[in-house]
Amino acid sequence: MRSNRLRKFNVSSPTVVLSLLILSILLRPALLPAQGREYVDVKAPLAQKYVIAVPTLQGPGGAGPELGTALAAQANRDLKVSGHFTVLDPAAFDASPIGPSPSTAKLSALAALGSNLVIAGAWQQEGQQLILDLRLLEPGSGKMLLGKRYRGGMNDGPRMMSQFVNEIVLYLTGERGLPQGRLAFVSGGTDRKEIYLMDLGGQPKQLTRLGTLTLTPAWARDGSEIFFCSYRGGFPALYAINPGSGSIRKLASHGTLNITPAAGPGGLLAATLNQDKDQEIYLLDKQGNIRQRLTNSPGIDVSPTFSPDGSQIAFVSNRAGSPQIFIMSSSGGQARRLTMNGSYNVSPCWSPKGDLIAYAGRTAGGFQIFVISPQGGSPRQITQEGSNESPSFSPDGAFLACSSTRDGKPAIYVINVKTGAATRATNLPGAQTQPAWAPN
């Protein structure tokens, strides 16, 4: 018979599996006031956010405004998620197309509203190609700070606009500031959940169709497969899916509980098994065969995450009486406790830079995302609103994807680790949880 302590932390329950493996997302900080100057000093520190306006892009004569409006909206979303800008609401100004060379009167009107930057531009179609002529202007002086011309397919407009916003952030800060890449995540209801895949800024597509609980996607380090846990065979087992072809293979099972896979170097995996009637973390090969047992404690050990060089793993254990984050060598040995603040900390994710571990910590209002140095110390809270779970770092470590209830039902958001700026990435029916960012 199980003790009361273990029953409270029973990861064989699908509901608790989800709660243990989810935590993350975003903080929407209050927008800062406009800087009181008529020019942009690109060498000045970003103590305040730049105030920027993005009117509709000008199209060819007689063309409708839909594409120009959509491209301006894309720029607004990207600027917000970068965390460096206060974006003027298009409803607050004359958002009619102004083209790459707007009149002094148009620019002066935007400057009067507090804008110290403007994105202006035009689009045109040549055959099956879309051409964007984009400029970053100072409305006070009319000076062009940055100009780019892009050419691509007719569906490449959002990508080209995002590239220009990235160039703006690079010009102003010296660093690129937009999240890029692919996200795998879980979407569905209580009894059926499937894995979806999306390019950031694109539309999600359903990847699995197993008709059961399908959980905790984790990318192989070369991006060739996504490992996950599914109740397809009646109990939680490990599988891998090719994100391109959709072909699925089953890994070797050990006992009746095989959960929370994490990919390491050389094709190795770490996962929680109940091979010896206890929920411990094992090192596996890519076929699921046991290479080594890593943890050995009377508590429950779940949710491993590898350090970038693969030499260590962080994981969740209740060996100290409540779920906390621990770190140990990936070749075995003694574990050390990492989190000392909070009574319930789960879902660690190691930054690709190696400098931070993100996790979800229970607070009075649910779960919030924190980051902490692998050496320990005081954690820093990233999110404030809603309940936030399952953090996953971007390949450059600058952003986190996570699931949040800040707007109601759980959805995937992307958050800037430095600034806390957040943007919603999914709007599907049901709940979206457990994001996993693809490697480069």
Protein backbone atom coordinates (compact mmCIF):
# COMPACT_ATOMS: atom_id res chain seq x y z
CA MET A 1 0.00 0.00 0.00
CA ARG A 2 1.30 3.44 -0.86
CA SER A 3 1.98 6.01 1.80
CA ASN A 4 0.00 9.23 1.92
CA ARG A 5 3.11 11.12 0.88
CA LEU A 6 3.46 9.19 -2.37
CA ARG A 7 -0.24 9.32 -3.12
CA LYS A 8 -0.08 13.09 -3.18
CA PHE A 9 2.66 12.92 -5.81
CA ASN A 10 1.38 10.01 -7.89
CA VAL A 11 2.68 10.64 -11.40
CA SER A 12 0.91 7.57 -12.79
CA SER A 13 -2.27 9.67 -12.81
CA PRO A 14 -2.63 11.39 -16.21
CA THR A 15 -3.85 14.58 -14.56
CA VAL A 16 -0.86 14.78 -12.24
CA VAL A 17 1.54 13.85 -15.04
CA LEU A 18 0.32 16.98 -16.78
CA SER A 19 0.58 19.16 -13.69
CA LEU A 20 4.10 17.97 -12.92
CA LEU A 21 5.36 18.60 -16.43
CA ILE A 22 3.84 21.98 -17.12
CA LEU A 23 4.86 25.41 -16.14
CA SER A 24 5.69 28.51 -18.02
CA ILE A 25 5.03 31.74 -19.70
CA LEU A 26 4.70 35.34 -19.74
CA LEU A 27 4.56 38.54 -17.98
CA ARG A 28 3.02 41.53 -19.62
CA PRO A 29 4.75 44.53 -18.05
CA ALA A 30 3.17 47.92 -17.96
CA LEU A 31 3.99 49.96 -21.05
CA LEU A 32 6.54 52.64 -20.41
CA PRO A 33 5.97 56.26 -21.42
CA ALA A 34 7.38 57.73 -24.60
CA GLN A 35 10.81 59.23 -24.48
CA GLY A 36 10.64 63.00 -24.56
CA ARG A 37 12.96 63.66 -27.47
CA GLU A 38 12.65 64.27 -31.18
CA TYR A 39 15.51 62.03 -32.23
CA VAL A 40 16.64 58.48 -31.47
CA ASP A 41 20.01 58.11 -29.80
CA VAL A 42 20.89 54.53 -30.68
CA LYS A 43 23.80 54.55 -28.23
CA ALA A 44 21.62 55.46 -25.27
CA PRO A 45 20.67 52.68 -22.83
CA LEU A 46 17.19 51.23 -23.15
CA ALA A 47 15.94 52.58 -19.83
CA GLN A 48 12.62 53.27 -21.55
CA LYS A 49 10.92 51.65 -24.49
CA TYR A 50 10.89 53.21 -27.92
CA VAL A 51 7.43 54.35 -28.98
CA ILE A 52 6.76 53.20 -32.53
CA ALA A 53 3.92 53.48 -35.03
CA VAL A 54 3.26 51.12 -37.95
CA PRO A 55 0.72 52.49 -40.46
CA THR A 56 -0.67 50.26 -43.21
CA LEU A 57 1.87 49.52 -45.93
CA GLN A 58 1.14 51.18 -49.24
CA GLY A 59 0.12 48.90 -52.11
CA PRO A 60 0.09 49.41 -55.87
CA GLY A 61 -2.49 51.78 -57.30
CA GLY A 62 -6.01 50.44 -57.06
CA ALA A 63 -5.05 47.48 -54.84
CA GLY A 64 -7.00 46.76 -51.69
CA PRO A 65 -5.40 47.45 -48.28
CA GLU A 66 -5.69 43.91 -46.88
CA LEU A 67 -2.08 42.82 -47.40
CA GLY A 68 -0.65 46.13 -46.21
CA THR A 69 -2.81 45.96 -43.07
CA ALA A 70 -1.80 42.34 -42.40
CA LEU A 71 1.89 43.16 -42.75
CA ALA A 72 1.55 46.12 -40.38
CA ALA A 73 -0.18 43.84 -37.86
CA GLN A 74 2.66 41.34 -38.18
CA ALA A 75 5.17 44.10 -37.42
CA ASN A 76 3.14 45.18 -34.38
CA ARG A 77 3.13 41.64 -32.98
CA ASP A 78 6.86 41.22 -33.52
CA LEU A 79 7.70 44.60 -31.99
CA LYS A 80 5.70 43.75 -28.87
CA VAL A 81 7.33 40.37 -28.36
CA SER A 82 10.81 41.87 -28.72
CA GLY A 83 10.15 43.79 -25.50
CA HIS A 84 11.86 47.00 -26.64
CA PHE A 85 8.87 48.94 -27.92
CA THR A 86 5.61 50.54 -26.94
CA VAL A 87 3.50 50.10 -30.07
CA LEU A 88 0.92 52.79 -30.81
CA ASP A 89 -2.56 51.41 -31.29
CA PRO A 90 -3.48 51.85 -35.00
CA ALA A 91 -6.88 53.08 -33.83
CA ALA A 92 -5.17 56.07 -32.19
CA PHE A 93 -3.82 57.57 -35.42
CA ASP A 94 -4.46 57.82 -39.12
CA ALA A 95 -3.30 54.35 -40.15
CA SER A 96 -3.96 54.85 -43.85
CA PRO A 97 -1.06 53.84 -46.13
CA ILE A 98 1.78 56.35 -46.15
CA GLY A 99 4.41 54.60 -48.28
CA PRO A 100 8.18 54.60 -47.78
CA SER A 101 8.42 58.41 -48.16
CA PRO A 102 5.59 59.87 -46.06
CA SER A 103 4.79 63.56 -45.99
CA THR A 104 6.08 65.86 -43.27
CA ALA A 105 2.51 66.41 -42.09
CA LYS A 106 1.93 62.67 -41.60
CA LEU A 107 5.17 62.26 -39.67
CA SER A 108 4.51 65.35 -37.54
CA ALA A 109 1.08 63.98 -36.59
CA LEU A 110 2.68 60.74 -35.39
CA ALA A 111 5.40 62.62 -33.49
CA ALA A 112 2.69 64.65 -31.74
CA LEU A 113 1.24 61.39 -30.42
CA GLY A 114 4.57 60.56 -28.79
CA SER A 115 5.99 58.30 -31.49
CA ASN A 116 9.74 58.53 -31.94
CA LEU A 117 9.93 55.78 -34.57
CA VAL A 118 7.81 54.87 -37.59
CA ILE A 119 7.89 51.87 -39.91
CA ALA A 120 6.82 52.96 -43.37
CA GLY A 121 6.81 50.97 -46.55
CA ALA A 122 5.20 49.67 -49.69
CA TRP A 123 4.50 46.32 -51.31
CA GLN A 124 4.14 45.26 -54.90
CA GLN A 125 3.71 42.04 -56.84
CA GLU A 126 5.91 40.99 -59.76
CA GLY A 127 4.63 37.77 -61.26
CA GLN A 128 4.55 35.29 -58.40
CA GLN A 129 6.90 37.34 -56.24
CA LEU A 130 6.20 39.82 -53.46
CA ILE A 131 8.51 42.82 -53.05
CA LEU A 132 8.62 44.84 -49.81
CA ASP A 133 10.32 48.24 -49.54
CA LEU A 134 10.60 48.99 -45.80
CA ARG A 135 12.05 51.91 -43.87
CA LEU A 136 12.53 52.92 -40.24
CA LEU A 137 12.05 56.68 -39.84
CA GLU A 138 12.30 59.34 -37.14
CA PRO A 139 9.01 61.23 -37.36
CA GLY A 140 10.45 64.34 -35.73
CA SER A 141 13.28 64.83 -38.23
CA GLY A 142 12.08 62.71 -41.13
CA LYS A 143 15.46 60.97 -41.13
CA MET A 144 15.65 57.38 -42.41
CA LEU A 145 17.49 55.23 -39.89
CA LEU A 146 17.23 51.93 -41.72
CA GLY A 147 16.01 50.78 -45.12
CA LYS A 148 15.65 47.29 -46.58
CA ARG A 149 14.15 45.78 -49.73
CA TYR A 150 12.95 42.18 -49.65
CA ARG A 151 11.84 39.83 -52.41
CA GLY A 152 10.11 36.45 -51.92
CA GLY A 153 7.05 34.36 -52.61
CA MET A 154 3.56 35.78 -52.21
CA ASN A 155 3.22 33.92 -48.89
CA ASP A 156 6.55 35.18 -47.54
CA GLY A 157 5.29 38.59 -46.45
CA PRO A 158 5.08 37.83 -42.71
CA ARG A 159 8.54 36.26 -42.73
CA MET A 160 10.07 39.24 -44.54
CA MET A 161 8.38 41.70 -42.18
CA SER A 162 9.67 39.75 -39.17
CA GLN A 163 13.14 39.85 -40.68
CA PHE A 164 12.92 43.64 -40.93
CA VAL A 165 11.80 43.94 -37.31
CA ASN A 166 14.78 41.80 -36.36
CA GLU A 167 17.01 44.20 -38.28
CA ILE A 168 15.46 47.12 -36.38
CA VAL A 169 16.16 45.49 -33.01
CA LEU A 170 19.72 44.71 -34.13
CA TYR A 171 20.23 48.31 -35.25
CA LEU A 172 18.94 49.77 -31.98
CA THR A 173 20.36 47.28 -29.48
CA GLY A 174 23.16 45.35 -31.17
CA GLU A 175 21.26 42.07 -30.71
CA ARG A 176 18.59 40.30 -32.72
CA GLY A 177 15.42 40.20 -30.69
CA LEU A 178 12.75 37.97 -32.19
CA PRO A 179 12.00 34.34 -31.43
CA GLN A 180 12.29 32.03 -34.41
CA GLY A 181 11.92 28.34 -35.14
CA ARG A 182 9.37 25.60 -34.57
CA LEU A 183 7.33 24.59 -31.55
CA ALA A 184 5.82 21.22 -30.76
CA PHE A 185 3.04 21.31 -28.19
CA VAL A 186 0.05 19.38 -26.86
CA SER A 187 -3.52 20.39 -27.64
CA GLY A 188 -6.86 18.81 -26.81
CA GLY A 189 -9.40 18.11 -24.11
CA THR A 190 -9.33 16.10 -20.90
CA ASP A 191 -9.26 12.57 -22.33
CA ARG A 192 -7.67 13.10 -25.75
CA LYS A 193 -4.60 15.13 -26.44
CA GLU A 194 -2.47 15.23 -29.57
CA ILE A 195 0.86 16.76 -30.53
CA TYR A 196 0.84 19.74 -32.87
CA LEU A 197 3.65 21.49 -34.71
CA MET A 198 3.95 25.12 -35.77
CA ASP A 199 6.45 27.56 -37.19
CA LEU A 200 6.36 30.70 -35.08
CA GLY A 201 4.13 33.15 -36.88
CA GLY A 202 2.52 30.35 -38.90
CA GLN A 203 -0.47 28.07 -38.50
CA PRO A 204 -0.28 24.95 -36.28
CA LYS A 205 -0.75 21.53 -37.85
CA GLN A 206 -1.74 18.35 -36.07
CA LEU A 207 1.13 15.86 -35.95
CA THR A 208 -0.31 12.83 -34.09
CA ARG A 209 -3.75 11.26 -34.40
CA LEU A 210 -3.66 8.60 -31.70
CA GLY A 211 -7.01 9.35 -30.07
CA THR A 212 -5.67 9.13 -26.53
CA LEU A 213 -3.50 11.03 -24.06
CA THR A 214 -0.32 12.06 -25.87
CA LEU A 215 2.03 14.09 -23.69
CA THR A 216 5.40 15.78 -23.09
CA PRO A 217 7.00 16.20 -26.54
CA ALA A 218 10.81 16.44 -26.50
CA TRP A 219 12.96 17.07 -29.57
CA ALA A 220 15.97 14.99 -30.51
CA ARG A 221 19.02 17.21 -30.51
CA ASP A 222 19.33 17.01 -34.29
CA GLY A 223 15.63 17.77 -34.78
CA SER A 224 15.03 14.48 -36.62
CA GLU A 225 12.44 13.14 -34.15
CA ILE A 226 10.12 14.20 -31.38
CA PHE A 227 9.93 11.83 -28.42
CA PHE A 228 6.72 11.70 -26.42
CA CYS A 229 4.65 9.68 -23.98
CA SER A 230 1.32 8.15 -25.01
CA TYR A 231 -1.36 5.94 -23.46
CA ARG A 232 -1.87 4.38 -26.90
CA GLY A 233 -1.32 0.85 -25.56
CA GLY A 234 -3.30 1.32 -22.34
CA PHE A 235 -0.39 2.52 -20.19
CA PRO A 236 2.15 5.34 -20.58
CA ALA A 237 4.88 4.29 -23.01
CA LEU A 238 7.49 6.17 -25.02
CA TYR A 239 7.28 6.82 -28.75
CA ALA A 240 9.11 8.87 -31.38
CA ILE A 241 7.64 10.62 -34.41
CA ASN A 242 9.36 11.99 -37.50
CA PRO A 243 8.08 15.59 -37.79
CA GLY A 244 8.40 15.51 -41.56
CA SER A 245 6.86 12.16 -42.53
CA GLY A 246 4.70 11.64 -39.44
CA SER A 247 5.94 8.05 -39.04
CA ILE A 248 5.82 6.80 -35.44
CA ARG A 249 7.96 4.17 -33.75
CA LYS A 250 7.55 2.70 -30.28
CA LEU A 251 10.46 2.56 -27.88
CA ALA A 252 11.09 -0.35 -25.55
CA SER A 253 8.86 -0.27 -22.46
CA HIS A 254 9.91 -1.09 -18.92
CA GLY A 255 7.14 -1.69 -16.40
CA THR A 256 3.84 0.12 -16.71
CA LEU A 257 5.12 3.67 -16.47
CA ASN A 258 7.43 5.24 -19.06
CA ILE A 259 7.18 9.04 -19.02
CA THR A 260 8.89 12.45 -19.39
CA PRO A 261 11.52 11.74 -22.05
CA ALA A 262 14.43 14.17 -22.53
CA ALA A 263 16.97 14.00 -25.35
CA GLY A 264 20.67 14.18 -24.63
CA PRO A 265 23.84 14.01 -26.71
CA GLY A 266 24.73 11.04 -28.89
CA GLY A 267 21.12 9.92 -29.26
CA LEU A 268 20.76 9.16 -25.55
CA LEU A 269 17.54 9.73 -23.63
CA ALA A 270 16.63 10.19 -20.00
CA ALA A 271 13.15 9.18 -18.83
CA THR A 272 11.22 8.09 -15.76
CA LEU A 273 10.40 4.36 -15.54
CA ASN A 274 8.96 2.14 -12.84
CA GLN A 275 11.25 -0.72 -13.82
CA ASP A 276 11.93 -1.62 -10.19
CA LYS A 277 8.47 -0.69 -8.84
CA ASP A 278 9.75 2.80 -8.06
CA GLN A 279 9.63 5.88 -10.23
CA GLU A 280 13.26 6.58 -11.08
CA ILE A 281 15.18 8.23 -13.91
CA TYR A 282 17.08 6.02 -16.34
CA LEU A 283 19.49 6.65 -19.19
CA LEU A 284 18.26 5.01 -22.40
CA ASP A 285 19.49 4.58 -25.94
CA LYS A 286 17.32 5.88 -28.79
CA GLN A 287 15.52 2.53 -29.02
CA GLY A 288 14.50 2.78 -25.36
CA ASN A 289 16.91 0.13 -24.05
CA ILE A 290 18.20 0.82 -20.55
CA ARG A 291 21.83 1.94 -20.40
CA GLN A 292 21.96 2.96 -16.75
CA ARG A 293 19.81 3.78 -13.77
CA LEU A 294 20.59 7.34 -12.70
CA THR A 295 18.50 8.03 -9.57
CA ASN A 296 18.02 5.80 -6.56
CA SER A 297 15.85 7.29 -3.85
CA PRO A 298 12.64 6.36 -2.04
CA GLY A 299 11.00 9.46 -3.49
CA ILE A 300 9.69 9.97 -7.03
CA ASP A 301 12.06 11.34 -9.68
CA VAL A 302 10.66 12.79 -12.93
CA SER A 303 11.13 15.42 -15.66
CA PRO A 304 14.84 15.23 -16.51
CA THR A 305 16.50 17.92 -18.62
CA PHE A 306 20.09 17.74 -19.89
CA SER A 307 22.68 20.49 -19.60
CA PRO A 308 23.86 21.72 -23.02
CA ASP A 309 27.03 19.61 -22.90
CA GLY A 310 25.11 16.58 -21.64
CA SER A 311 27.25 16.17 -18.56
CA GLN A 312 24.45 16.88 -16.06
CA ILE A 313 20.71 16.54 -15.68
CA ALA A 314 18.27 18.59 -13.66
CA PHE A 315 15.11 16.82 -12.52
CA VAL A 316 12.19 16.89 -10.07
CA SER A 317 12.21 14.82 -6.90
CA ASN A 318 10.14 14.73 -3.74
CA ARG A 319 12.96 13.14 -1.74
CA ALA A 320 13.07 16.30 0.40
CA GLY A 321 9.35 16.00 1.22
CA SER A 322 7.92 18.12 -1.60
CA PRO A 323 8.70 18.43 -5.32
CA GLN A 324 11.97 20.33 -5.82
CA ILE A 325 14.59 20.68 -8.55
CA PHE A 326 17.80 18.65 -8.18
CA ILE A 327 20.97 18.39 -10.29
CA MET A 328 23.26 15.40 -10.77
CA SER A 329 25.84 14.04 -13.19
CA SER A 330 24.34 12.29 -16.22
CA SER A 331 26.68 9.40 -15.47
CA GLY A 332 25.15 8.92 -12.02
CA GLY A 333 26.21 9.83 -8.52
CA GLN A 334 25.04 12.14 -5.77
CA ALA A 335 22.33 14.71 -6.48
CA ARG A 336 22.30 18.20 -5.03
CA ARG A 337 19.18 20.23 -4.36
CA LEU A 338 18.91 23.36 -6.50
CA THR A 339 15.66 25.10 -5.46
CA MET A 340 15.38 26.25 -1.87
CA ASN A 341 12.51 28.73 -2.29
CA GLY A 342 8.91 27.57 -2.58
CA SER A 343 7.20 24.35 -1.56
CA TYR A 344 6.40 22.92 -5.02
CA ASN A 345 8.79 23.36 -7.96
CA VAL A 346 8.55 21.28 -11.16
CA SER A 347 9.25 21.08 -14.93
CA PRO A 348 12.86 22.22 -15.20
CA CYS A 349 14.30 23.24 -18.57
CA TRP A 350 18.01 23.92 -19.04
CA SER A 351 18.92 26.93 -21.19
CA PRO A 352 20.97 26.15 -24.33
CA LYS A 353 23.45 28.75 -23.05
CA GLY A 354 23.84 26.73 -19.86
CA ASP A 355 23.45 29.78 -17.63
CA LEU A 356 19.85 29.31 -16.44
CA ILE A 357 17.32 26.65 -15.52
CA ALA A 358 13.67 27.61 -15.89
CA TYR A 359 10.98 25.91 -13.84
CA ALA A 360 7.42 26.31 -12.61
CA GLY A 361 6.89 27.14 -8.98
CA ARG A 362 3.57 27.04 -7.17
CA THR A 363 2.41 30.36 -5.75
CA ALA A 364 -0.82 31.56 -4.18
CA GLY A 365 -2.38 32.12 -7.61
CA GLY A 366 -1.28 28.90 -9.30
CA PHE A 367 2.10 28.34 -10.97
CA GLN A 368 4.59 30.97 -12.13
CA ILE A 369 7.79 30.63 -14.16
CA PHE A 370 11.13 31.23 -12.48
CA VAL A 371 14.73 31.07 -13.65
CA ILE A 372 17.72 30.21 -11.50
CA SER A 373 21.44 29.71 -12.01
CA PRO A 374 22.53 26.02 -12.11
CA GLN A 375 24.89 26.93 -9.28
CA GLY A 376 21.93 27.95 -7.12
CA GLY A 377 21.10 31.26 -5.49
CA SER A 378 17.96 33.36 -5.61
CA PRO A 379 15.47 32.61 -8.41
CA ARG A 380 13.98 35.36 -10.58
CA GLN A 381 10.25 35.30 -11.28
CA ILE A 382 9.43 35.73 -14.97
CA THR A 383 5.62 35.57 -15.07
CA GLN A 384 2.99 37.31 -12.97
CA GLU A 385 -0.43 36.71 -14.53
CA GLY A 386 -2.53 33.56 -14.67
CA SER A 387 -1.07 30.13 -14.04
CA ASN A 388 2.01 29.39 -16.11
CA GLU A 389 3.62 26.02 -16.80
CA SER A 390 6.04 23.95 -18.91
CA PRO A 391 8.82 26.37 -19.87
CA SER A 392 10.93 25.60 -22.94
CA PHE A 393 13.90 27.73 -24.01
CA SER A 394 14.46 28.98 -27.54
CA PRO A 395 17.69 27.74 -29.19
CA ASP A 396 19.45 31.03 -28.37
CA GLY A 397 18.18 31.08 -24.78
CA ALA A 398 16.61 34.53 -25.21
CA PHE A 399 12.96 33.40 -25.06
CA LEU A 400 10.76 30.91 -23.28
CA ALA A 401 7.68 29.21 -24.64
CA CYS A 402 5.14 28.09 -22.10
CA SER A 403 1.50 27.41 -21.38
CA SER A 404 -0.50 30.09 -19.59
CA THR A 405 -4.08 30.75 -18.48
CA ARG A 406 -3.56 34.53 -18.47
CA ASP A 407 -6.36 34.98 -21.02
CA GLY A 408 -8.57 32.13 -19.81
CA LYS A 409 -7.94 28.62 -21.10
CA PRO A 410 -4.32 27.39 -21.40
CA ALA A 411 -2.56 28.58 -24.55
CA ILE A 412 1.06 28.75 -25.71
CA TYR A 413 2.83 32.06 -25.21
CA VAL A 414 6.35 33.27 -25.95
CA ILE A 415 8.15 35.42 -23.39
CA ASN A 416 11.33 37.46 -23.58
CA VAL A 417 13.54 36.24 -20.72
CA LYS A 418 15.16 39.65 -20.15
CA THR A 419 12.21 41.98 -20.54
CA GLY A 420 9.22 39.80 -19.68
CA ALA A 421 7.41 40.90 -22.86
CA ALA A 422 4.96 38.22 -23.99
CA THR A 423 2.88 37.30 -26.98
CA ARG A 424 0.28 34.61 -27.56
CA ALA A 425 1.29 31.97 -30.12
CA THR A 426 -1.79 29.67 -30.30
CA ASN A 427 -5.54 30.19 -30.61
CA LEU A 428 -6.80 26.64 -31.11
CA PRO A 429 -9.89 25.11 -29.47
CA GLY A 430 -9.24 23.30 -26.23
CA ALA A 431 -6.10 23.72 -24.13
CA GLN A 432 -2.55 24.05 -25.47
CA THR A 433 0.18 22.96 -23.10
CA GLN A 434 3.71 21.51 -22.85
CA PRO A 435 5.57 23.41 -25.60
CA ALA A 436 8.94 22.11 -26.81
CA TRP A 437 11.15 24.39 -28.87
CA ALA A 438 12.95 22.71 -31.76
CA PRO A 439 16.75 22.95 -31.90
CA ASN A 440 18.34 25.00 -34.67
